[in-house]
Amino acid sequence: MLSAVEAQVLSTSFSVASLALLWSLPLAIACAFLLARQFPGKFLLDGLVHLPIILPPVLTGFLLVIVMMTFGGLISAYVVIATNGAAEWHPFSLPIQVWISTVLLLASSGTYHFGWKRLDNGDRAAAKNWFIATTALGAAFISSQLLTWLELRSRGFYLSGNPYAGFFYILTGVHAVHVIGGMIALASVLLRVWYPTSNENSILKRRSIAEVVGWYWHFMDGVWLVLFVLLGFWK
């Protein structure tokens, strides 16, 4: 069972994220329609043809804002409670799996960057191999996180009872869910680069999607580094 503080933190965080989604998603769609029109008065049909290329960056930008607000709320609550000096606050040393997870995620950011560079240079086959490597590293990261949680349970640290342990599970769990979402998006990139194509619109579309998925992937790497420093050194 969650403690009252942990439940309140989760409730506040998800409420903020939901409100952000309600106002940002319609605005993102409206902006996408406007940006898809290359000059005033252009036919709507022409805008709709270009919409698949314009839409991903716009929606990804708003998605990153929502993710930032979600983690911002959780991290703020962590900092406040960590500095309160509560008697129930009992930090522990990070399991070795957390360090391994950090290396895996940083490596995946590198492989994605190389994949995007190859795709941007027109080397589809090499890009596909780099994206496959990124997917494998992402899966290894999730596996390492599962091992981390099992290790903590074997030490006697659970979601309730110790606010530090509760925040550890919540912060790393929410991050893992977002990484899984990134892996699903990465799968769509892989599907688009798996086979060659000479269609110019398809080439532009897969480059656009690969670019914005890269934004999200690198952003989640950055979030993990913040969590790593917070949980490991700000106790």
Protein backbone atom coordinates (compact mmCIF):
# COMPACT_ATOMS: atom_id res chain seq x y z
CA MET A 1 0.00 0.00 0.00
CA LEU A 2 1.12 3.54 -0.75
CA SER A 3 1.63 5.97 2.10
CA ALA A 4 -0.52 9.10 2.20
CA VAL A 5 2.37 11.27 0.99
CA GLU A 6 3.23 8.94 -1.90
CA ALA A 7 -0.40 8.68 -2.94
CA GLN A 8 -0.74 12.47 -2.87
CA VAL A 9 2.41 12.90 -4.96
CA LEU A 10 1.18 10.45 -7.59
CA SER A 11 -2.28 12.02 -7.67
CA THR A 12 -0.88 15.54 -8.09
CA SER A 13 1.59 14.48 -10.77
CA PHE A 14 -0.96 12.65 -12.89
CA SER A 15 -3.49 15.46 -12.45
CA VAL A 16 -0.98 18.00 -13.75
CA ALA A 17 -0.09 15.73 -16.66
CA SER A 18 -3.76 15.19 -17.53
CA LEU A 19 -4.52 18.92 -17.46
CA ALA A 20 -1.47 19.58 -19.62
CA LEU A 21 -2.67 16.99 -22.11
CA LEU A 22 -6.18 18.48 -22.25
CA TRP A 23 -4.97 21.94 -23.23
CA SER A 24 -1.87 21.02 -25.23
CA LEU A 25 -3.19 18.30 -27.52
CA PRO A 26 -5.90 20.40 -29.25
CA LEU A 27 -3.42 23.25 -29.54
CA ALA A 28 -0.80 20.93 -31.02
CA ILE A 29 -3.25 19.65 -33.63
CA ALA A 30 -4.28 23.20 -34.52
CA CYS A 31 -0.64 24.24 -34.86
CA ALA A 32 0.09 21.21 -37.01
CA PHE A 33 -2.65 22.22 -39.44
CA LEU A 34 -1.31 25.77 -39.61
CA LEU A 35 2.30 24.71 -40.07
CA ALA A 36 1.35 22.21 -42.73
CA ARG A 37 0.14 25.09 -44.91
CA GLN A 38 3.25 26.47 -46.55
CA PHE A 39 1.72 29.87 -47.41
CA PRO A 40 -1.58 31.67 -46.73
CA GLY A 41 -4.44 30.54 -48.93
CA LYS A 42 -2.97 27.20 -49.88
CA PHE A 43 -5.58 24.51 -50.37
CA LEU A 44 -6.36 22.44 -47.31
CA LEU A 45 -5.85 19.25 -49.29
CA ASP A 46 -2.25 20.18 -49.97
CA GLY A 47 -1.80 20.86 -46.25
CA LEU A 48 -3.21 17.45 -45.41
CA VAL A 49 -0.74 15.81 -47.78
CA HIS A 50 2.17 17.37 -45.88
CA LEU A 51 0.58 16.91 -42.45
CA PRO A 52 2.20 13.50 -41.73
CA ILE A 53 5.60 15.17 -42.05
CA ILE A 54 4.75 18.24 -39.95
CA LEU A 55 2.62 16.60 -37.27
CA PRO A 56 5.23 14.42 -35.47
CA PRO A 57 7.58 17.29 -34.45
CA VAL A 58 4.69 19.41 -33.17
CA LEU A 59 3.10 16.65 -31.12
CA THR A 60 6.48 15.47 -29.83
CA GLY A 61 7.26 18.96 -28.57
CA PHE A 62 4.03 19.06 -26.58
CA LEU A 63 4.60 15.49 -25.39
CA LEU A 64 8.00 16.45 -24.03
CA VAL A 65 6.40 19.36 -22.17
CA ILE A 66 3.90 16.97 -20.57
CA VAL A 67 6.66 14.51 -19.63
CA MET A 68 8.73 17.35 -18.17
CA MET A 69 5.79 18.50 -16.05
CA THR A 70 5.16 14.95 -14.82
CA PHE A 71 8.73 14.33 -13.72
CA GLY A 72 9.05 17.91 -12.49
CA GLY A 73 6.18 17.32 -10.06
CA LEU A 74 7.62 14.03 -8.82
CA ILE A 75 11.16 15.37 -8.46
CA SER A 76 9.95 18.48 -6.63
CA ALA A 77 8.04 16.31 -4.16
CA TYR A 78 11.13 14.12 -3.68
CA VAL A 79 13.35 17.12 -2.94
CA VAL A 80 10.86 18.60 -0.48
CA ILE A 81 10.44 15.36 1.47
CA ALA A 82 14.18 14.54 1.33
CA THR A 83 15.04 17.88 2.90
CA ASN A 84 12.36 17.62 5.61
CA GLY A 85 14.40 15.14 7.61
CA ALA A 86 11.50 12.76 8.20
CA ALA A 87 12.26 9.92 10.59
CA GLU A 88 10.90 7.38 8.10
CA TRP A 89 13.35 8.53 5.39
CA HIS A 90 15.96 5.76 5.10
CA PRO A 91 18.14 6.02 1.95
CA PHE A 92 20.10 3.02 0.72
CA SER A 93 23.05 2.49 -1.59
CA LEU A 94 22.13 2.08 -5.23
CA PRO A 95 22.26 -1.52 -6.49
CA ILE A 96 24.91 -2.25 -9.14
CA GLN A 97 22.08 -2.77 -11.62
CA VAL A 98 21.31 0.97 -11.51
CA TRP A 99 24.84 1.74 -12.68
CA ILE A 100 24.50 -0.87 -15.41
CA SER A 101 21.16 0.66 -16.46
CA THR A 102 22.85 4.06 -16.76
CA VAL A 103 25.57 2.70 -19.03
CA LEU A 104 23.02 0.86 -21.18
CA LEU A 105 20.81 3.92 -21.64
CA LEU A 106 23.73 6.22 -22.46
CA ALA A 107 24.97 3.67 -24.98
CA SER A 108 21.51 3.50 -26.56
CA SER A 109 21.54 7.27 -26.99
CA GLY A 110 24.81 6.94 -28.88
CA THR A 111 23.59 4.17 -31.15
CA TYR A 112 20.42 6.11 -31.95
CA HIS A 113 22.49 9.17 -32.85
CA PHE A 114 24.63 7.11 -35.22
CA GLY A 115 21.50 5.54 -36.72
CA TRP A 116 19.92 8.94 -37.33
CA LYS A 117 23.13 10.24 -38.95
CA ARG A 118 23.25 7.25 -41.28
CA LEU A 119 19.60 7.67 -42.19
CA ASP A 120 20.06 11.38 -42.82
CA ASN A 121 22.96 10.54 -45.14
CA GLY A 122 20.82 8.06 -47.06
CA ASP A 123 22.48 4.89 -45.72
CA ARG A 124 19.28 3.03 -44.81
CA ALA A 125 20.91 -0.37 -44.21
CA ALA A 126 23.43 0.98 -41.71
CA ALA A 127 20.72 3.06 -40.01
CA LYS A 128 18.60 -0.06 -39.59
CA ASN A 129 21.45 -1.88 -37.83
CA TRP A 130 22.05 1.04 -35.45
CA PHE A 131 18.33 1.25 -34.64
CA ILE A 132 18.25 -2.49 -33.95
CA ALA A 133 21.15 -2.02 -31.55
CA THR A 134 19.25 0.83 -29.85
CA THR A 135 16.20 -1.39 -29.43
CA ALA A 136 18.32 -4.16 -27.91
CA LEU A 137 19.95 -1.73 -25.48
CA GLY A 138 16.53 -0.36 -24.53
CA ALA A 139 15.29 -3.87 -23.80
CA ALA A 140 18.43 -4.56 -21.77
CA PHE A 141 17.77 -1.36 -19.79
CA ILE A 142 14.23 -2.48 -18.91
CA SER A 143 15.56 -5.92 -17.92
CA SER A 144 18.18 -4.26 -15.72
CA GLN A 145 15.46 -2.20 -14.05
CA LEU A 146 13.45 -5.31 -13.30
CA LEU A 147 16.54 -6.86 -11.71
CA THR A 148 17.01 -3.67 -9.68
CA TRP A 149 13.51 -3.89 -8.24
CA LEU A 150 13.97 -7.60 -7.45
CA GLU A 151 17.25 -6.80 -5.70
CA LEU A 152 15.56 -4.13 -3.58
CA ARG A 153 12.77 -6.50 -2.62
CA SER A 154 15.36 -9.08 -1.57
CA ARG A 155 16.90 -6.40 0.67
CA GLY A 156 13.52 -5.75 2.26
CA PHE A 157 12.76 -2.42 0.58
CA TYR A 158 9.19 -2.10 -0.63
CA LEU A 159 6.94 0.62 -2.05
CA SER A 160 5.52 1.43 1.39
CA GLY A 161 7.15 1.96 4.77
CA ASN A 162 10.16 3.94 3.57
CA PRO A 163 9.41 7.13 1.57
CA TYR A 164 12.84 7.01 -0.09
CA ALA A 165 12.22 3.47 -1.33
CA GLY A 166 8.72 4.50 -2.41
CA PHE A 167 10.08 7.38 -4.45
CA PHE A 168 12.73 5.12 -5.93
CA TYR A 169 10.11 2.68 -7.19
CA ILE A 170 7.80 5.44 -8.42
CA LEU A 171 10.44 7.54 -10.20
CA THR A 172 12.20 4.60 -11.85
CA GLY A 173 8.89 2.89 -12.65
CA VAL A 174 7.38 5.96 -14.33
CA HIS A 175 10.61 6.42 -16.27
CA ALA A 176 10.59 2.77 -17.37
CA VAL A 177 7.03 3.16 -18.69
CA HIS A 178 8.15 6.16 -20.76
CA VAL A 179 11.14 4.21 -22.09
CA ILE A 180 8.81 1.39 -23.15
CA GLY A 181 6.75 4.01 -24.96
CA GLY A 182 9.93 5.17 -26.67
CA MET A 183 10.69 1.60 -27.71
CA ILE A 184 7.24 1.34 -29.31
CA ALA A 185 7.97 4.53 -31.22
CA LEU A 186 11.38 3.15 -32.14
CA ALA A 187 9.68 0.05 -33.55
CA SER A 188 7.72 2.29 -35.92
CA VAL A 189 11.02 3.82 -37.08
CA LEU A 190 12.46 0.36 -37.65
CA LEU A 191 9.44 -0.68 -39.72
CA ARG A 192 9.89 2.38 -41.94
CA VAL A 193 13.61 1.81 -42.56
CA TRP A 194 13.50 -1.98 -42.86
CA TYR A 195 12.95 -1.98 -46.62
CA PRO A 196 14.33 0.44 -49.22
CA THR A 197 12.04 2.88 -50.99
CA SER A 198 12.44 5.43 -53.76
CA ASN A 199 9.31 7.37 -52.85
CA GLU A 200 10.46 10.87 -51.87
CA ASN A 201 7.48 11.48 -49.58
CA SER A 202 8.12 8.21 -47.72
CA ILE A 203 11.81 9.08 -47.32
CA LEU A 204 10.99 12.52 -45.90
CA LYS A 205 8.36 11.07 -43.59
CA ARG A 206 10.62 8.41 -42.10
CA ARG A 207 13.39 10.97 -41.58
CA SER A 208 10.96 13.26 -39.79
CA ILE A 209 9.65 10.47 -37.57
CA ALA A 210 13.15 9.19 -36.81
CA GLU A 211 14.23 12.69 -35.84
CA VAL A 212 11.40 13.32 -33.39
CA VAL A 213 11.69 9.84 -31.87
CA GLY A 214 15.35 10.70 -31.34
CA TRP A 215 14.35 13.87 -29.48
CA TYR A 216 12.19 11.80 -27.16
CA TRP A 217 14.81 9.08 -26.68
CA HIS A 218 17.60 11.52 -25.81
CA PHE A 219 15.24 13.44 -23.54
CA MET A 220 14.44 10.28 -21.56
CA ASP A 221 18.18 9.63 -21.27
CA GLY A 222 18.56 13.10 -19.79
CA VAL A 223 15.71 12.47 -17.36
CA TRP A 224 17.39 9.24 -16.25
CA LEU A 225 20.66 11.06 -15.52
CA VAL A 226 18.74 13.53 -13.35
CA LEU A 227 17.07 10.65 -11.48
CA PHE A 228 20.40 8.84 -11.13
CA VAL A 229 22.05 11.88 -9.52
CA LEU A 230 18.99 12.60 -7.39
CA LEU A 231 18.52 9.08 -6.03
CA GLY A 232 22.21 8.31 -5.75
CA PHE A 233 23.65 11.53 -4.35
CA TRP A 234 20.79 13.68 -3.01
CA LYS A 235 19.46 11.57 -0.19
